[in-house]
């Protein structure tokens, strides 16, 4: 049996879209790990790599799938909620 991949959310604490995204995940009872890219250089580089070198937050990573910016429709698709 395979494990469900962990949802990682790369954020900045001051980012309004990040706060909205985390609230949406909480409302839908979705487990996630939030990583502050301003406090973690490795995470910042990972998030920038996902975005072609530019740092955009929030950035979501679930296994091999990613989603950039808070788009509830895309997140629902990524998480299999549709």
Protein backbone atom coordinates (compact mmCIF):
# COMPACT_ATOMS: atom_id res chain seq x y z
CA UNK A 1 0.00 0.00 0.00
CA UNK A 2 1.45 3.37 -0.98
CA UNK A 3 1.49 6.36 1.32
CA UNK A 4 -0.46 9.50 0.53
CA UNK A 5 2.03 12.25 -0.34
CA UNK A 6 2.36 15.17 2.04
CA UNK A 7 0.99 18.54 0.97
CA UNK A 8 3.67 21.18 1.40
CA UNK A 9 2.71 24.85 1.27
CA UNK A 10 5.55 27.31 0.74
CA UNK A 11 4.50 30.65 2.24
CA UNK A 12 5.62 34.00 3.57
CA UNK A 13 4.08 35.03 6.87
CA UNK A 14 3.01 38.46 5.56
CA UNK A 15 1.42 37.08 2.36
CA UNK A 16 -2.36 37.65 2.25
CA UNK A 17 -2.91 34.96 -0.38
CA UNK A 18 -0.98 32.52 1.83
CA UNK A 19 -3.29 33.26 4.77
CA UNK A 20 -6.36 32.79 2.57
CA UNK A 21 -4.98 29.51 1.21
CA UNK A 22 -4.17 28.13 4.65
CA UNK A 23 -7.64 29.11 5.87
CA UNK A 24 -9.20 27.33 2.88
CA UNK A 25 -7.16 24.19 3.62
CA UNK A 26 -8.21 24.33 7.28
CA UNK A 27 -11.89 24.75 6.31
CA UNK A 28 -11.62 21.63 4.14
CA UNK A 29 -9.76 19.66 6.85
CA UNK A 30 -6.75 19.18 4.58
CA UNK A 31 -3.53 18.28 6.39
CA UNK A 32 -0.48 20.23 5.24
CA UNK A 33 2.96 21.37 6.25
CA UNK A 34 3.52 25.12 5.95
CA UNK A 35 7.09 26.24 5.36
CA UNK A 36 8.07 29.90 5.66
CA UNK A 37 10.41 30.52 2.72
CA UNK A 38 11.84 33.59 4.43
CA UNK A 39 13.07 31.46 7.34
CA UNK A 40 14.28 28.43 5.34
CA UNK A 41 16.80 28.96 2.53
CA UNK A 42 16.44 25.40 1.21
CA UNK A 43 12.65 25.77 1.02
CA UNK A 44 13.00 29.17 -0.66
CA UNK A 45 15.25 27.64 -3.31
CA UNK A 46 12.85 24.70 -3.77
CA UNK A 47 9.83 26.98 -4.19
CA UNK A 48 11.74 29.21 -6.62
CA UNK A 49 12.80 26.11 -8.57
CA UNK A 50 9.18 25.02 -8.90
CA UNK A 51 8.41 28.47 -10.31
CA UNK A 52 11.20 28.63 -12.89
CA UNK A 53 13.49 30.67 -10.65
CA UNK A 54 10.96 33.22 -9.41
CA UNK A 55 9.67 33.04 -5.85
CA UNK A 56 5.86 33.06 -5.80
CA UNK A 57 3.80 32.34 -2.71
CA UNK A 58 1.83 30.42 -1.96
CA UNK A 59 3.29 27.47 -3.84
CA UNK A 60 1.82 24.02 -3.21
CA UNK A 61 3.61 20.71 -3.69
CA UNK A 62 1.93 17.32 -3.46
CA UNK A 63 4.19 14.50 -4.59
CA UNK A 64 5.15 15.31 -8.19
CA UNK A 65 2.31 17.82 -8.64
CA UNK A 66 2.50 21.55 -7.97
CA UNK A 67 0.18 24.54 -7.92
CA UNK A 68 1.26 28.17 -7.84
CA UNK A 69 -0.82 30.93 -6.25
CA UNK A 70 -4.08 30.39 -4.39
CA UNK A 71 -6.55 28.99 -6.90
CA UNK A 72 -9.27 27.00 -5.10
CA UNK A 73 -10.34 25.26 -8.32
CA UNK A 74 -6.81 24.06 -9.06
CA UNK A 75 -6.23 23.08 -5.43
CA UNK A 76 -9.46 21.09 -5.39
CA UNK A 77 -8.30 19.26 -8.51
CA UNK A 78 -4.83 18.66 -7.07
CA UNK A 79 -6.31 17.28 -3.85
CA UNK A 80 -8.97 15.18 -5.56
CA UNK A 81 -11.88 17.14 -4.05
CA UNK A 82 -13.77 17.49 -7.34
